[in-house]
Amino acid sequence: MAADVNTYMGIGTAVTAALFYFPPTIVAWIRQHPNRVSIFLLNLLLGWTVIGWFVALIWSASAIRRYPLSDTVKAPEQPAPENDSYRRLEQLADLKERGHLTQEEFDEEKQRVLKGR
């Protein structure tokens, strides 16, 4: 039995409606969002309310936190001592420029930092 034009129009309309209704779900799946099933359910059940659709879209576009595969979390690398001293001197100079340190206090702290090298 041949399908008539109305059948094809109905299928086309359903596909078009899905493409306009499910972008939050599509974005979540493409980005491999860890909560993509929850986003799909929110989009499916509350997407008809415009607020639910926007919440699902914002959730799907939100930042994804990547966790390391190992159980231990690596500590951040410590900066080289030269950089640390340099940063500390910059902070002291900034405090002096703002008026939080006097020249004498600045000189004392500067000597401490330079001796700590």
PDB file of N, CA and C in Angstrom:
ATOM      1  N   MET A   1       0.827  -1.161   0.000  1.00  0.00           N
ATOM      2  CA  MET A   1       0.000   0.000   0.000  1.00  0.00           C
ATOM      3  C   MET A   1       0.889   1.248   0.000  1.00  0.00           C
ATOM      4  N   ALA A   2       0.617   2.161  -0.833  1.00  0.00           N
ATOM      5  CA  ALA A   2       1.431   3.357  -0.991  1.00  0.00           C
ATOM      6  C   ALA A   2       1.084   4.375   0.095  1.00  0.00           C
ATOM      7  N   ALA A   3       2.118   5.010   0.578  1.00  0.00           N
ATOM      8  CA  ALA A   3       1.897   6.040   1.591  1.00  0.00           C
ATOM      9  C   ALA A   3       1.525   7.336   0.888  1.00  0.00           C
ATOM     10  N   ASP A   4       0.586   8.044   1.444  1.00  0.00           N
ATOM     11  CA  ASP A   4       0.183   9.280   0.808  1.00  0.00           C
ATOM     12  C   ASP A   4       1.010  10.458   1.299  1.00  0.00           C
ATOM     13  N   VAL A   5       0.790  11.611   0.747  1.00  0.00           N
ATOM     14  CA  VAL A   5       1.563  12.807   1.054  1.00  0.00           C
ATOM     15  C   VAL A   5       1.390  13.216   2.509  1.00  0.00           C
ATOM     16  N   ASN A   6       0.226  13.008   3.077  1.00  0.00           N
ATOM     17  CA  ASN A   6      -0.011  13.383   4.468  1.00  0.00           C
ATOM     18  C   ASN A   6       0.895  12.624   5.432  1.00  0.00           C
ATOM     19  N   THR A   7       1.203  11.379   5.115  1.00  0.00           N
ATOM     20  CA  THR A   7       2.096  10.581   5.960  1.00  0.00           C
ATOM     21  C   THR A   7       3.495  11.188   5.967  1.00  0.00           C
ATOM     22  N   TYR A   8       3.971  11.547   4.770  1.00  0.00           N
ATOM     23  CA  TYR A   8       5.298  12.149   4.665  1.00  0.00           C
ATOM     24  C   TYR A   8       5.342  13.526   5.329  1.00  0.00           C
ATOM     25  N   MET A   9       4.265  14.277   5.192  1.00  0.00           N
ATOM     26  CA  MET A   9       4.189  15.585   5.840  1.00  0.00           C
ATOM     27  C   MET A   9       4.196  15.427   7.367  1.00  0.00           C
ATOM     28  N   GLY A  10       3.513  14.435   7.864  1.00  0.00           N
ATOM     29  CA  GLY A  10       3.484  14.185   9.305  1.00  0.00           C
ATOM     30  C   GLY A  10       4.851  13.807   9.834  1.00  0.00           C
ATOM     31  N   ILE A  11       5.559  12.948   9.104  1.00  0.00           N
ATOM     32  CA  ILE A  11       6.907  12.546   9.516  1.00  0.00           C
ATOM     33  C   ILE A  11       7.850  13.746   9.465  1.00  0.00           C
ATOM     34  N   GLY A  12       7.756  14.536   8.421  1.00  0.00           N
ATOM     35  CA  GLY A  12       8.605  15.726   8.282  1.00  0.00           C
ATOM     36  C   GLY A  12       8.336  16.734   9.388  1.00  0.00           C
ATOM     37  N   THR A  13       7.071  16.908   9.717  1.00  0.00           N
ATOM     38  CA  THR A  13       6.709  17.833  10.793  1.00  0.00           C
ATOM     39  C   THR A  13       7.226  17.337  12.133  1.00  0.00           C
ATOM     40  N   ALA A  14       7.136  16.044  12.397  1.00  0.00           N
ATOM     41  CA  ALA A  14       7.623  15.482  13.659  1.00  0.00           C
ATOM     42  C   ALA A  14       9.136  15.630  13.785  1.00  0.00           C
ATOM     43  N   VAL A  15       9.853  15.389  12.698  1.00  0.00           N
ATOM     44  CA  VAL A  15      11.314  15.526  12.718  1.00  0.00           C
ATOM     45  C   VAL A  15      11.702  16.987  12.934  1.00  0.00           C
ATOM     46  N   THR A  16      11.031  17.893  12.241  1.00  0.00           N
ATOM     47  CA  THR A  16      11.318  19.324  12.390  1.00  0.00           C
ATOM     48  C   THR A  16      11.015  19.790  13.814  1.00  0.00           C
ATOM     49  N   ALA A  17       9.891  19.351  14.362  1.00  0.00           N
ATOM     50  CA  ALA A  17       9.536  19.725  15.730  1.00  0.00           C
ATOM     51  C   ALA A  17      10.570  19.195  16.722  1.00  0.00           C
ATOM     52  N   ALA A  18      11.050  17.969  16.504  1.00  0.00           N
ATOM     53  CA  ALA A  18      12.064  17.393  17.397  1.00  0.00           C
ATOM     54  C   ALA A  18      13.365  18.179  17.327  1.00  0.00           C
ATOM     55  N   LEU A  19      13.725  18.650  16.129  1.00  0.00           N
ATOM     56  CA  LEU A  19      14.955  19.434  15.994  1.00  0.00           C
ATOM     57  C   LEU A  19      14.856  20.784  16.707  1.00  0.00           C
ATOM     58  N   PHE A  20      13.666  21.331  16.825  1.00  0.00           N
ATOM     59  CA  PHE A  20      13.491  22.581  17.552  1.00  0.00           C
ATOM     60  C   PHE A  20      13.267  22.357  19.049  1.00  0.00           C
ATOM     61  N   TYR A  21      12.793  21.178  19.427  1.00  0.00           N
ATOM     62  CA  TYR A  21      12.447  20.896  20.813  1.00  0.00           C
ATOM     63  C   TYR A  21      13.613  20.308  21.610  1.00  0.00           C
ATOM     64  N   PHE A  22      14.485  19.550  20.946  1.00  0.00           N
ATOM     65  CA  PHE A  22      15.519  18.811  21.663  1.00  0.00           C
ATOM     66  C   PHE A  22      16.953  19.340  21.529  1.00  0.00           C
ATOM     67  N   PRO A  23      17.206  20.587  21.165  1.00  0.00           N
ATOM     68  CA  PRO A  23      18.599  21.054  21.153  1.00  0.00           C
ATOM     69  C   PRO A  23      19.322  20.911  22.497  1.00  0.00           C
ATOM     70  N   PRO A  24      18.668  21.128  23.660  1.00  0.00           N
ATOM     71  CA  PRO A  24      19.413  20.898  24.905  1.00  0.00           C
ATOM     72  C   PRO A  24      19.924  19.459  25.031  1.00  0.00           C
ATOM     73  N   THR A  25      19.094  18.519  24.641  1.00  0.00           N
ATOM     74  CA  THR A  25      19.503  17.114  24.695  1.00  0.00           C
ATOM     75  C   THR A  25      20.611  16.831  23.690  1.00  0.00           C
ATOM     76  N   ILE A  26      20.497  17.383  22.498  1.00  0.00           N
ATOM     77  CA  ILE A  26      21.510  17.169  21.462  1.00  0.00           C
ATOM     78  C   ILE A  26      22.849  17.748  21.908  1.00  0.00           C
ATOM     79  N   VAL A  27      22.819  18.956  22.475  1.00  0.00           N
ATOM     80  CA  VAL A  27      24.060  19.583  22.960  1.00  0.00           C
ATOM     81  C   VAL A  27      24.684  18.745  24.071  1.00  0.00           C
ATOM     82  N   ALA A  28      23.862  18.265  24.989  1.00  0.00           N
ATOM     83  CA  ALA A  28      24.381  17.448  26.097  1.00  0.00           C
ATOM     84  C   ALA A  28      25.027  16.164  25.583  1.00  0.00           C
ATOM     85  N   TRP A  29      24.415  15.529  24.603  1.00  0.00           N
ATOM     86  CA  TRP A  29      24.971  14.279  24.081  1.00  0.00           C
ATOM     87  C   TRP A  29      26.248  14.530  23.302  1.00  0.00           C
ATOM     88  N   ILE A  30      26.298  15.599  22.529  1.00  0.00           N
ATOM     89  CA  ILE A  30      27.506  15.901  21.757  1.00  0.00           C
ATOM     90  C   ILE A  30      28.668  16.229  22.691  1.00  0.00           C
ATOM     91  N   ARG A  31      28.396  16.964  23.771  1.00  0.00           N
ATOM     92  CA  ARG A  31      29.444  17.350  24.709  1.00  0.00           C
ATOM     93  C   ARG A  31      29.775  16.261  25.721  1.00  0.00           C
ATOM     94  N   GLN A  32      29.089  15.124  25.657  1.00  0.00           N
ATOM     95  CA  GLN A  32      29.309  14.022  26.606  1.00  0.00           C
ATOM     96  C   GLN A  32      29.114  14.502  28.040  1.00  0.00           C
ATOM     97  N   HIS A  33      28.071  15.281  28.247  1.00  0.00           N
ATOM     98  CA  HIS A  33      27.774  15.822  29.578  1.00  0.00           C
ATOM     99  C   HIS A  33      27.445  14.658  30.518  1.00  0.00           C
ATOM    100  N   PRO A  34      28.011  14.645  31.733  1.00  0.00           N
ATOM    101  CA  PRO A  34      27.753  13.530  32.649  1.00  0.00           C
ATOM    102  C   PRO A  34      26.286  13.412  33.068  1.00  0.00           C
ATOM    103  N   ASN A  35      25.511  14.476  32.957  1.00  0.00           N
ATOM    104  CA  ASN A  35      24.098  14.455  33.342  1.00  0.00           C
ATOM    105  C   ASN A  35      23.185  14.474  32.120  1.00  0.00           C
ATOM    106  N   ARG A  36      23.638  13.916  31.016  1.00  0.00           N
ATOM    107  CA  ARG A  36      22.855  14.011  29.773  1.00  0.00           C
ATOM    108  C   ARG A  36      21.511  13.299  29.858  1.00  0.00           C
ATOM    109  N   VAL A  37      21.403  12.242  30.631  1.00  0.00           N
ATOM    110  CA  VAL A  37      20.107  11.552  30.771  1.00  0.00           C
ATOM    111  C   VAL A  37      19.141  12.438  31.553  1.00  0.00           C
ATOM    112  N   SER A  38      19.619  13.066  32.597  1.00  0.00           N
ATOM    113  CA  SER A  38      18.767  13.974  33.379  1.00  0.00           C
ATOM    114  C   SER A  38      18.351  15.179  32.540  1.00  0.00           C
ATOM    115  N   ILE A  39      19.263  15.666  31.729  1.00  0.00           N
ATOM    116  CA  ILE A  39      18.940  16.794  30.846  1.00  0.00           C
ATOM    117  C   ILE A  39      17.876  16.367  29.840  1.00  0.00           C
ATOM    118  N   PHE A  40      18.008  15.150  29.307  1.00  0.00           N
ATOM    119  CA  PHE A  40      17.012  14.643  28.370  1.00  0.00           C
ATOM    120  C   PHE A  40      15.635  14.558  29.034  1.00  0.00           C
ATOM    121  N   LEU A  41      15.600  14.034  30.252  1.00  0.00           N
ATOM    122  CA  LEU A  41      14.309  13.908  30.940  1.00  0.00           C
ATOM    123  C   LEU A  41      13.698  15.272  31.251  1.00  0.00           C
ATOM    124  N   LEU A  42      14.515  16.208  31.670  1.00  0.00           N
ATOM    125  CA  LEU A  42      14.025  17.561  31.921  1.00  0.00           C
ATOM    126  C   LEU A  42      13.495  18.175  30.632  1.00  0.00           C
ATOM    127  N   ASN A  43      14.249  17.996  29.558  1.00  0.00           N
ATOM    128  CA  ASN A  43      13.834  18.530  28.263  1.00  0.00           C
ATOM    129  C   ASN A  43      12.544  17.870  27.777  1.00  0.00           C
ATOM    130  N   LEU A  44      12.440  16.568  27.966  1.00  0.00           N
ATOM    131  CA  LEU A  44      11.261  15.832  27.498  1.00  0.00           C
ATOM    132  C   LEU A  44      10.018  16.198  28.305  1.00  0.00           C
ATOM    133  N   LEU A  45      10.154  16.230  29.636  1.00  0.00           N
ATOM    134  CA  LEU A  45       8.985  16.405  30.491  1.00  0.00           C
ATOM    135  C   LEU A  45       8.611  17.870  30.746  1.00  0.00           C
ATOM    136  N   LEU A  46       9.609  18.745  30.812  1.00  0.00           N
ATOM    137  CA  LEU A  46       9.314  20.141  31.117  1.00  0.00           C
ATOM    138  C   LEU A  46       9.736  21.101  30.012  1.00  0.00           C
ATOM    139  N   GLY A  47      10.168  20.565  28.884  1.00  0.00           N
ATOM    140  CA  GLY A  47      10.602  21.422  27.786  1.00  0.00           C
ATOM    141  C   GLY A  47       9.471  22.241  27.198  1.00  0.00           C
ATOM    142  N   TRP A  48       8.251  21.764  27.310  1.00  0.00           N
ATOM    143  CA  TRP A  48       7.115  22.497  26.761  1.00  0.00           C
ATOM    144  C   TRP A  48       6.888  23.805  27.497  1.00  0.00           C
ATOM    145  N   THR A  49       7.333  23.875  28.759  1.00  0.00           N
ATOM    146  CA  THR A  49       7.325  25.173  29.435  1.00  0.00           C
ATOM    147  C   THR A  49       8.613  25.845  28.989  1.00  0.00           C
ATOM    148  N   VAL A  50       8.539  27.018  28.553  1.00  0.00           N
ATOM    149  CA  VAL A  50       9.718  27.690  28.004  1.00  0.00           C
ATOM    150  C   VAL A  50      10.845  27.740  29.030  1.00  0.00           C
ATOM    151  N   ILE A  51      10.479  27.896  30.289  1.00  0.00           N
ATOM    152  CA  ILE A  51      11.489  27.948  31.353  1.00  0.00           C
ATOM    153  C   ILE A  51      12.227  26.613  31.455  1.00  0.00           C
ATOM    154  N   GLY A  52      11.501  25.503  31.386  1.00  0.00           N
ATOM    155  CA  GLY A  52      12.133  24.184  31.441  1.00  0.00           C
ATOM    156  C   GLY A  52      13.090  23.969  30.280  1.00  0.00           C
ATOM    157  N   TRP A  53      12.712  24.455  29.097  1.00  0.00           N
ATOM    158  CA  TRP A  53      13.568  24.306  27.922  1.00  0.00           C
ATOM    159  C   TRP A  53      14.857  25.095  28.111  1.00  0.00           C
ATOM    160  N   PHE A  54      14.746  26.348  28.616  1.00  0.00           N
ATOM    161  CA  PHE A  54      15.938  27.168  28.825  1.00  0.00           C
ATOM    162  C   PHE A  54      16.821  26.609  29.935  1.00  0.00           C
ATOM    163  N   VAL A  55      16.218  26.078  30.989  1.00  0.00           N
ATOM    164  CA  VAL A  55      17.010  25.467  32.061  1.00  0.00           C
ATOM    165  C   VAL A  55      17.799  24.278  31.519  1.00  0.00           C
ATOM    166  N   ALA A  56      17.144  23.449  30.711  1.00  0.00           N
ATOM    167  CA  ALA A  56      17.834  22.295  30.116  1.00  0.00           C
ATOM    168  C   ALA A  56      18.952  22.749  29.184  1.00  0.00           C
ATOM    169  N   LEU A  57      18.708  23.808  28.422  1.00  0.00           N
ATOM    170  CA  LEU A  57      19.734  24.312  27.504  1.00  0.00           C
ATOM    171  C   LEU A  57      20.934  24.861  28.264  1.00  0.00           C
ATOM    172  N   ILE A  58      20.686  25.640  29.303  1.00  0.00           N
ATOM    173  CA  ILE A  58      21.787  26.196  30.094  1.00  0.00           C
ATOM    174  C   ILE A  58      22.557  25.085  30.800  1.00  0.00           C
ATOM    175  N   TRP A  59      21.834  24.104  31.319  1.00  0.00           N
ATOM    176  CA  TRP A  59      22.485  22.975  31.987  1.00  0.00           C
ATOM    177  C   TRP A  59      23.353  22.189  31.008  1.00  0.00           C
ATOM    178  N   SER A  60      22.864  21.994  29.805  1.00  0.00           N
ATOM    179  CA  SER A  60      23.634  21.223  28.818  1.00  0.00           C
ATOM    180  C   SER A  60      24.874  21.980  28.360  1.00  0.00           C
ATOM    181  N   ALA A  61      24.821  23.299  28.408  1.00  0.00           N
ATOM    182  CA  ALA A  61      25.968  24.102  27.981  1.00  0.00           C
ATOM    183  C   ALA A  61      26.889  24.460  29.138  1.00  0.00           C
ATOM    184  N   SER A  62      26.546  24.035  30.348  1.00  0.00           N
ATOM    185  CA  SER A  62      27.364  24.386  31.511  1.00  0.00           C
ATOM    186  C   SER A  62      28.701  23.670  31.458  1.00  0.00           C
ATOM    187  N   ALA A  63      29.614  24.158  32.263  1.00  0.00           N
ATOM    188  CA  ALA A  63      30.963  23.600  32.293  1.00  0.00           C
ATOM    189  C   ALA A  63      30.926  22.148  32.762  1.00  0.00           C
ATOM    190  N   ILE A  64      31.785  21.371  32.163  1.00  0.00           N
ATOM    191  CA  ILE A  64      31.897  19.959  32.523  1.00  0.00           C
ATOM    192  C   ILE A  64      33.203  19.800  33.280  1.00  0.00           C
ATOM    193  N   ARG A  65      33.121  19.297  34.500  1.00  0.00           N
ATOM    194  CA  ARG A  65      34.308  19.092  35.313  1.00  0.00           C
ATOM    195  C   ARG A  65      34.891  17.733  34.965  1.00  0.00           C
ATOM    196  N   ARG A  66      36.120  17.747  34.534  1.00  0.00           N
ATOM    197  CA  ARG A  66      36.815  16.505  34.198  1.00  0.00           C
ATOM    198  C   ARG A  66      37.590  16.030  35.421  1.00  0.00           C
ATOM    199  N   TYR A  67      37.347  14.802  35.828  1.00  0.00           N
ATOM    200  CA  TYR A  67      38.041  14.234  36.973  1.00  0.00           C
ATOM    201  C   TYR A  67      39.176  13.343  36.476  1.00  0.00           C
ATOM    202  N   PRO A  68      40.293  13.327  37.203  1.00  0.00           N
ATOM    203  CA  PRO A  68      41.394  12.456  36.788  1.00  0.00           C
ATOM    204  C   PRO A  68      40.987  10.992  36.921  1.00  0.00           C
ATOM    205  N   LEU A  69      41.585  10.156  36.080  1.00  0.00           N
ATOM    206  CA  LEU A  69      41.257   8.736  36.095  1.00  0.00           C
ATOM    207  C   LEU A  69      41.821   8.036  37.322  1.00  0.00           C
ATOM    208  N   SER A  70      42.940   8.525  37.832  1.00  0.00           N
ATOM    209  CA  SER A  70      43.537   7.870  38.995  1.00  0.00           C
ATOM    210  C   SER A  70      42.837   8.319  40.268  1.00  0.00           C
ATOM    211  N   ASP A  71      43.004   7.535  41.314  1.00  0.00           N
ATOM    212  CA  ASP A  71      42.377   7.851  42.594  1.00  0.00           C
ATOM    213  C   ASP A  71      43.075   9.006  43.295  1.00  0.00           C
ATOM    214  N   THR A  72      44.361   9.159  43.031  1.00  0.00           N
ATOM    215  CA  THR A  72      45.110  10.218  43.693  1.00  0.00           C
ATOM    216  C   THR A  72      45.090  11.461  42.818  1.00  0.00           C
ATOM    217  N   VAL A  73      44.920  12.570  43.457  1.00  0.00           N
ATOM    218  CA  VAL A  73      44.927  13.836  42.747  1.00  0.00           C
ATOM    219  C   VAL A  73      46.333  14.400  42.833  1.00  0.00           C
ATOM    220  N   LYS A  74      46.866  14.774  41.691  1.00  0.00           N
ATOM    221  CA  LYS A  74      48.218  15.301  41.671  1.00  0.00           C
ATOM    222  C   LYS A  74      48.230  16.710  42.257  1.00  0.00           C
ATOM    223  N   ALA A  75      49.239  16.969  43.054  1.00  0.00           N
ATOM    224  CA  ALA A  75      49.394  18.300  43.638  1.00  0.00           C
ATOM    225  C   ALA A  75      49.889  19.253  42.552  1.00  0.00           C
ATOM    226  N   PRO A  76      49.457  20.492  42.599  1.00  0.00           N
ATOM    227  CA  PRO A  76      49.943  21.440  41.603  1.00  0.00           C
ATOM    228  C   PRO A  76      51.442  21.651  41.764  1.00  0.00           C
ATOM    229  N   GLU A  77      52.090  21.895  40.654  1.00  0.00           N
ATOM    230  CA  GLU A  77      53.532  22.093  40.692  1.00  0.00           C
ATOM    231  C   GLU A  77      53.860  23.373  41.440  1.00  0.00           C
ATOM    232  N   GLN A  78      54.893  23.288  42.263  1.00  0.00           N
ATOM    233  CA  GLN A  78      55.319  24.455  43.018  1.00  0.00           C
ATOM    234  C   GLN A  78      56.138  25.364  42.100  1.00  0.00           C
ATOM    235  N   PRO A  79      55.923  26.674  42.160  1.00  0.00           N
ATOM    236  CA  PRO A  79      56.715  27.561  41.316  1.00  0.00           C
ATOM    237  C   PRO A  79      58.167  27.584  41.779  1.00  0.00           C
ATOM    238  N   ALA A  80      59.020  27.934  40.873  1.00  0.00           N
ATOM    239  CA  ALA A  80      60.443  28.015  41.195  1.00  0.00           C
ATOM    240  C   ALA A  80      60.645  29.097  42.253  1.00  0.00           C
ATOM    241  N   PRO A  81      61.620  28.908  43.150  1.00  0.00           N
ATOM    242  CA  PRO A  81      61.839  29.894  44.218  1.00  0.00           C
ATOM    243  C   PRO A  81      62.091  31.306  43.675  1.00  0.00           C
ATOM    244  N   GLU A  82      62.764  31.416  42.521  1.00  0.00           N
ATOM    245  CA  GLU A  82      63.025  32.740  41.969  1.00  0.00           C
ATOM    246  C   GLU A  82      61.715  33.442  41.637  1.00  0.00           C
ATOM    247  N   ASN A  83      60.789  32.703  41.061  1.00  0.00           N
ATOM    248  CA  ASN A  83      59.502  33.283  40.703  1.00  0.00           C
ATOM    249  C   ASN A  83      58.717  33.671  41.951  1.00  0.00           C
ATOM    250  N   ASP A  84      58.821  32.860  42.985  1.00  0.00           N
ATOM    251  CA  ASP A  84      58.102  33.144  44.218  1.00  0.00           C
ATOM    252  C   ASP A  84      58.638  34.426  44.856  1.00  0.00           C
ATOM    253  N   SER A  85      59.951  34.574  44.890  1.00  0.00           N
ATOM    254  CA  SER A  85      60.552  35.783  45.449  1.00  0.00           C
ATOM    255  C   SER A  85      60.172  36.990  44.611  1.00  0.00           C
ATOM    256  N   TYR A  86      60.205  36.807  43.320  1.00  0.00           N
ATOM    257  CA  TYR A  86      59.853  37.905  42.415  1.00  0.00           C
ATOM    258  C   TYR A  86      58.400  38.319  42.625  1.00  0.00           C
ATOM    259  N   ARG A  87      57.503  37.350  42.744  1.00  0.00           N
ATOM    260  CA  ARG A  87      56.094  37.663  42.992  1.00  0.00           C
ATOM    261  C   ARG A  87      55.902  38.374  44.327  1.00  0.00           C
ATOM    262  N   ARG A  88      56.615  37.908  45.335  1.00  0.00           N
ATOM    263  CA  ARG A  88      56.497  38.522  46.668  1.00  0.00           C
ATOM    264  C   ARG A  88      56.977  39.975  46.631  1.00  0.00           C
ATOM    265  N   LEU A  89      58.068  40.233  45.893  1.00  0.00           N
ATOM    266  CA  LEU A  89      58.557  41.603  45.773  1.00  0.00           C
ATOM    267  C   LEU A  89      57.552  42.481  45.035  1.00  0.00           C
ATOM    268  N   GLU A  90      56.915  41.922  44.016  1.00  0.00           N
ATOM    269  CA  GLU A  90      55.887  42.678  43.299  1.00  0.00           C
ATOM    270  C   GLU A  90      54.716  43.014  44.218  1.00  0.00           C
ATOM    271  N   GLN A  91      54.329  42.054  45.038  1.00  0.00           N
ATOM    272  CA  GLN A  91      53.227  42.304  45.977  1.00  0.00           C
ATOM    273  C   GLN A  91      53.599  43.395  46.977  1.00  0.00           C
ATOM    274  N   LEU A  92      54.833  43.331  47.467  1.00  0.00           N
ATOM    275  CA  LEU A  92      55.284  44.354  48.412  1.00  0.00           C
ATOM    276  C   LEU A  92      55.295  45.730  47.764  1.00  0.00           C
ATOM    277  N   ALA A  93      55.784  45.816  46.527  1.00  0.00           N
ATOM    278  CA  ALA A  93      55.825  47.093  45.821  1.00  0.00           C
ATOM    279  C   ALA A  93      54.411  47.623  45.599  1.00  0.00           C
ATOM    280  N   ASP A  94      53.497  46.736  45.290  1.00  0.00           N
ATOM    281  CA  ASP A  94      52.106  47.140  45.089  1.00  0.00           C
ATOM    282  C   ASP A  94      51.511  47.680  46.392  1.00  0.00           C
ATOM    283  N   LEU A  95      51.782  46.994  47.504  1.00  0.00           N
ATOM    284  CA  LEU A  95      51.282  47.458  48.798  1.00  0.00           C
ATOM    285  C   LEU A  95      51.877  48.819  49.166  1.00  0.00           C
ATOM    286  N   LYS A  96      53.155  49.010  48.819  1.00  0.00           N
ATOM    287  CA  LYS A  96      53.795  50.287  49.114  1.00  0.00           C
ATOM    288  C   LYS A  96      53.176  51.399  48.267  1.00  0.00           C
ATOM    289  N   GLU A  97      52.919  51.116  46.997  1.00  0.00           N
ATOM    290  CA  GLU A  97      52.312  52.120  46.109  1.00  0.00           C
ATOM    291  C   GLU A  97      50.918  52.509  46.572  1.00  0.00           C
ATOM    292  N   ARG A  98      50.191  51.560  47.125  1.00  0.00           N
ATOM    293  CA  ARG A  98      48.837  51.848  47.602  1.00  0.00           C
ATOM    294  C   ARG A  98      48.830  52.562  48.949  1.00  0.00           C
ATOM    295  N   GLY A  99      49.983  52.627  49.581  1.00  0.00           N
ATOM    296  CA  GLY A  99      50.066  53.316  50.858  1.00  0.00           C
ATOM    297  C   GLY A  99      49.833  52.419  52.059  1.00  0.00           C
ATOM    298  N   HIS A 100      49.797  51.114  51.848  1.00  0.00           N
ATOM    299  CA  HIS A 100      49.590  50.189  52.963  1.00  0.00           C
ATOM    300  C   HIS A 100      50.885  49.896  53.727  1.00  0.00           C
ATOM    301  N   LEU A 101      52.018  50.146  53.078  1.00  0.00           N
ATOM    302  CA  LEU A 101      53.318  49.943  53.723  1.00  0.00           C
ATOM    303  C   LEU A 101      54.104  51.248  53.664  1.00  0.00           C
ATOM    304  N   THR A 102      54.832  51.515  54.714  1.00  0.00           N
ATOM    305  CA  THR A 102      55.755  52.657  54.692  1.00  0.00           C
ATOM    306  C   THR A 102      57.036  52.209  53.999  1.00  0.00           C
ATOM    307  N   GLN A 103      57.908  53.177  53.694  1.00  0.00           N
ATOM    308  CA  GLN A 103      59.177  52.852  53.041  1.00  0.00           C
ATOM    309  C   GLN A 103      60.018  51.938  53.934  1.00  0.00           C
ATOM    310  N   GLU A 104      60.002  52.191  55.254  1.00  0.00           N
ATOM    311  CA  GLU A 104      60.791  51.368  56.179  1.00  0.00           C
ATOM    312  C   GLU A 104      60.270  49.927  56.216  1.00  0.00           C
ATOM    313  N   GLU A 105      58.944  49.776  56.296  1.00  0.00           N
ATOM    314  CA  GLU A 105      58.358  48.422  56.298  1.00  0.00           C
ATOM    315  C   GLU A 105      58.661  47.695  54.990  1.00  0.00           C
ATOM    316  N   PHE A 106      58.606  48.439  53.901  1.00  0.00           N
ATOM    317  CA  PHE A 106      58.908  47.847  52.597  1.00  0.00           C
ATOM    318  C   PHE A 106      60.343  47.353  52.549  1.00  0.00           C
ATOM    319  N   ASP A 107      61.281  48.190  53.025  1.00  0.00           N
ATOM    320  CA  ASP A 107      62.695  47.805  53.002  1.00  0.00           C
ATOM    321  C   ASP A 107      62.947  46.578  53.877  1.00  0.00           C
ATOM    322  N   GLU A 108      62.311  46.509  55.054  1.00  0.00           N
ATOM    323  CA  GLU A 108      62.491  45.357  55.943  1.00  0.00           C
ATOM    324  C   GLU A 108      61.984  44.070  55.278  1.00  0.00           C
ATOM    325  N   GLU A 109      60.788  44.144  54.719  1.00  0.00           N
ATOM    326  CA  GLU A 109      60.217  42.950  54.067  1.00  0.00           C
ATOM    327  C   GLU A 109      61.027  42.553  52.838  1.00  0.00           C
ATOM    328  N   LYS A 110      61.513  43.551  52.124  1.00  0.00           N
ATOM    329  CA  LYS A 110      62.330  43.280  50.938  1.00  0.00           C
ATOM    330  C   LYS A 110      63.603  42.527  51.323  1.00  0.00           C
ATOM    331  N   GLN A 111      64.225  42.956  52.423  1.00  0.00           N
ATOM    332  CA  GLN A 111      65.437  42.281  52.884  1.00  0.00           C
ATOM    333  C   GLN A 111      65.130  40.840  53.299  1.00  0.00           C
ATOM    334  N   ARG A 112      63.999  40.614  53.957  1.00  0.00           N
ATOM    335  CA  ARG A 112      63.604  39.255  54.345  1.00  0.00           C
ATOM    336  C   ARG A 112      63.427  38.358  53.126  1.00  0.00           C
ATOM    337  N   VAL A 113      62.795  38.907  52.115  1.00  0.00           N
ATOM    338  CA  VAL A 113      62.551  38.115  50.900  1.00  0.00           C
ATOM    339  C   VAL A 113      63.863  37.806  50.211  1.00  0.00           C
ATOM    340  N   LEU A 114      64.739  38.798  50.112  1.00  0.00           N
ATOM    341  CA  LEU A 114      66.006  38.577  49.421  1.00  0.00           C
ATOM    342  C   LEU A 114      66.922  37.654  50.201  1.00  0.00           C
ATOM    343  N   LYS A 115      66.874  37.669  51.534  1.00  0.00           N
ATOM    344  CA  LYS A 115      67.688  36.755  52.344  1.00  0.00           C
ATOM    345  C   LYS A 115      67.165  35.328  52.247  1.00  0.00           C
ATOM    346  N   GLY A 116      65.877  35.190  52.036  1.00  0.00           N
ATOM    347  CA  GLY A 116      65.277  33.872  51.946  1.00  0.00           C
ATOM    348  C   GLY A 116      65.640  33.134  50.682  1.00  0.00           C
ATOM    349  N   ARG A 117      66.262  33.809  49.743  1.00  0.00           N
ATOM    350  CA  ARG A 117      66.683  33.191  48.490  1.00  0.00           C
ATOM    351  C   ARG A 117      67.624  32.129  48.747  1.00  0.00           C
TER     352      ARG A 117
END
